[in-house]
Amino acid sequence: MSDRPTITGLNFVLAVPDAMTTARWWIDVMKFDKLRDLGGWVFVKRGRCMIMLGSCPDAIPVPDLGDHQYFGYIEFDDIDAYYEEIRQGSVDFLSHPDDKEWGMREFGVRTPDGHRVMFGQDLENPLPPQD
């Protein structure tokens, strides 16, 4: 055991116009599970990654954020299998699975709200299976 604390989860907080509408997309299209509905906040989760969606109808529109539309990089142990799982849905792919010179196989997606997220797999240092 290391003397350093271990990260046990990866969570993102997103301001969206309507949390429930965005959560439905994450659940139906991106195959995440609904975890909690707190009235104005909806949490979705897959594996150790949770996305906390907050209804913020008066927030800066995501398209106005420019390069700050990117919010995360989510790693899978089999990125091609995940891509196949979601590719028939209403997904706005920014890119399709491709091996990168930095040792990742990855693709990008734009959410209906305009946020951009990358999904990848470490080809050089695969993650061990997790619960």
Protein backbone atom coordinates (compact mmCIF):
# COMPACT_ATOMS: atom_id res chain seq x y z
CA MET A 1 0.00 0.00 0.00
CA SER A 2 1.23 3.46 -0.91
CA ASP A 3 1.48 6.36 1.50
CA ARG A 4 -0.45 8.47 -1.01
CA PRO A 5 -4.27 8.47 -1.01
CA THR A 6 -5.83 6.75 -4.02
CA ILE A 7 -8.45 8.31 -6.28
CA THR A 8 -11.50 6.06 -6.08
CA GLY A 9 -13.83 7.80 -8.49
CA LEU A 10 -14.05 10.37 -11.24
CA ASN A 11 -16.89 12.89 -11.10
CA PHE A 12 -17.87 15.79 -13.32
CA VAL A 13 -20.28 18.63 -12.55
CA LEU A 14 -22.06 20.15 -15.55
CA ALA A 15 -24.38 23.13 -15.73
CA VAL A 16 -27.07 22.28 -18.28
CA PRO A 17 -30.36 23.93 -19.29
CA ASP A 18 -32.45 21.00 -18.01
CA ALA A 19 -30.83 18.26 -15.92
CA MET A 20 -33.52 15.64 -16.56
CA THR A 21 -33.44 16.11 -20.35
CA THR A 22 -29.65 15.83 -20.41
CA ALA A 23 -29.75 12.83 -18.04
CA ARG A 24 -32.12 11.03 -20.38
CA TRP A 25 -29.56 11.41 -23.18
CA TRP A 26 -26.74 10.07 -20.98
CA ILE A 27 -28.91 7.12 -19.97
CA ASP A 28 -30.61 6.26 -23.27
CA VAL A 29 -27.82 7.09 -25.71
CA MET A 30 -24.55 6.88 -23.76
CA LYS A 31 -25.73 3.89 -21.67
CA PHE A 32 -25.07 5.38 -18.23
CA ASP A 33 -27.27 4.51 -15.24
CA LYS A 34 -29.45 6.99 -13.39
CA LEU A 35 -28.19 7.22 -9.85
CA ARG A 36 -30.12 10.04 -8.19
CA ASP A 37 -32.74 12.65 -9.01
CA LEU A 38 -32.51 15.44 -6.46
CA GLY A 39 -34.89 17.88 -8.12
CA GLY A 40 -32.78 20.22 -10.20
CA TRP A 41 -29.80 17.86 -9.98
CA VAL A 42 -29.61 14.46 -11.65
CA PHE A 43 -26.62 12.15 -11.21
CA VAL A 44 -25.76 9.50 -13.82
CA LYS A 45 -23.04 6.92 -13.42
CA ARG A 46 -21.18 4.22 -15.26
CA GLY A 47 -18.48 2.28 -13.47
CA ARG A 48 -16.55 4.72 -11.32
CA CYS A 49 -17.46 7.78 -13.37
CA MET A 50 -20.32 9.97 -12.18
CA ILE A 51 -21.69 13.01 -13.98
CA MET A 52 -23.64 15.43 -11.80
CA LEU A 53 -26.03 17.44 -13.98
CA GLY A 54 -27.40 20.66 -12.54
CA SER A 55 -30.31 22.56 -14.08
CA CYS A 56 -28.94 26.03 -14.78
CA PRO A 57 -31.15 27.57 -17.47
CA ASP A 58 -29.51 31.00 -17.03
CA ALA A 59 -25.90 29.77 -17.33
CA ILE A 60 -23.65 30.80 -20.21
CA PRO A 61 -24.78 28.78 -23.27
CA VAL A 62 -22.30 25.97 -23.87
CA PRO A 63 -21.62 26.97 -27.52
CA ASP A 64 -20.35 30.32 -26.17
CA LEU A 65 -17.65 28.55 -24.11
CA GLY A 66 -15.36 27.94 -27.10
CA ASP A 67 -12.56 25.51 -26.23
CA HIS A 68 -13.96 25.26 -22.69
CA GLN A 69 -16.77 23.08 -24.04
CA TYR A 70 -14.51 20.10 -23.22
CA PHE A 71 -15.19 18.78 -19.74
CA GLY A 72 -13.55 15.39 -19.42
CA TYR A 73 -11.68 12.37 -20.66
CA ILE A 74 -13.30 9.08 -19.63
CA GLU A 75 -11.26 5.90 -19.96
CA PHE A 76 -12.64 2.44 -20.72
CA ASP A 77 -10.93 -0.95 -20.69
CA ASP A 78 -12.38 -1.69 -24.16
CA ILE A 79 -13.09 1.51 -26.07
CA ASP A 80 -14.11 -0.28 -29.26
CA ALA A 81 -16.80 -2.26 -27.42
CA TYR A 82 -18.16 0.95 -25.86
CA TYR A 83 -18.15 2.67 -29.26
CA GLU A 84 -20.15 -0.24 -30.73
CA GLU A 85 -22.59 -0.03 -27.81
CA ILE A 86 -23.43 3.63 -28.47
CA ARG A 87 -22.79 4.18 -32.18
CA GLN A 88 -26.37 3.47 -33.33
CA GLY A 89 -27.81 6.10 -31.00
CA SER A 90 -28.22 9.85 -31.40
CA VAL A 91 -24.52 10.56 -30.88
CA ASP A 92 -22.78 13.57 -32.40
CA PHE A 93 -19.32 12.05 -32.87
CA LEU A 94 -16.48 14.55 -33.10
CA SER A 95 -14.14 11.71 -34.02
CA HIS A 96 -14.21 7.92 -34.27
CA PRO A 97 -11.92 5.40 -32.53
CA ASP A 98 -8.35 6.00 -33.58
CA ASP A 99 -4.93 5.14 -32.13
CA LYS A 100 -3.04 8.28 -31.11
CA GLU A 101 0.70 8.83 -30.91
CA TRP A 102 0.39 9.40 -27.14
CA GLY A 103 -0.64 5.76 -26.63
CA MET A 104 -4.40 6.18 -26.40
CA ARG A 105 -7.21 4.89 -28.60
CA GLU A 106 -9.96 7.50 -28.40
CA PHE A 107 -13.01 9.19 -29.86
CA GLY A 108 -14.90 12.38 -29.08
CA VAL A 109 -18.59 13.19 -28.59
CA ARG A 110 -20.63 16.39 -28.35
CA THR A 111 -23.61 16.25 -25.99
CA PRO A 112 -26.97 17.74 -27.05
CA ASP A 113 -26.16 20.71 -24.77
CA GLY A 114 -22.87 21.26 -26.62
CA HIS A 115 -20.38 19.92 -24.08
CA ARG A 116 -17.54 17.90 -25.57
CA VAL A 117 -16.07 14.80 -23.95
CA MET A 118 -13.38 12.36 -24.98
CA PHE A 119 -13.53 8.60 -24.41
CA GLY A 120 -10.35 6.59 -24.55
CA GLN A 121 -8.39 3.47 -23.75
CA ASP A 122 -4.76 3.44 -22.63
CA LEU A 123 -2.98 1.14 -25.08
CA GLU A 124 0.39 1.24 -23.29
CA ASN A 125 -0.69 0.88 -19.65
CA PRO A 126 -4.06 -0.86 -19.55
CA LEU A 127 -6.07 -0.35 -16.38
CA PRO A 128 -6.64 -3.44 -14.24
CA PRO A 129 -10.26 -4.66 -14.07
CA GLN A 130 -12.31 -2.82 -11.43
CA ASP A 131 -15.44 -3.63 -9.48
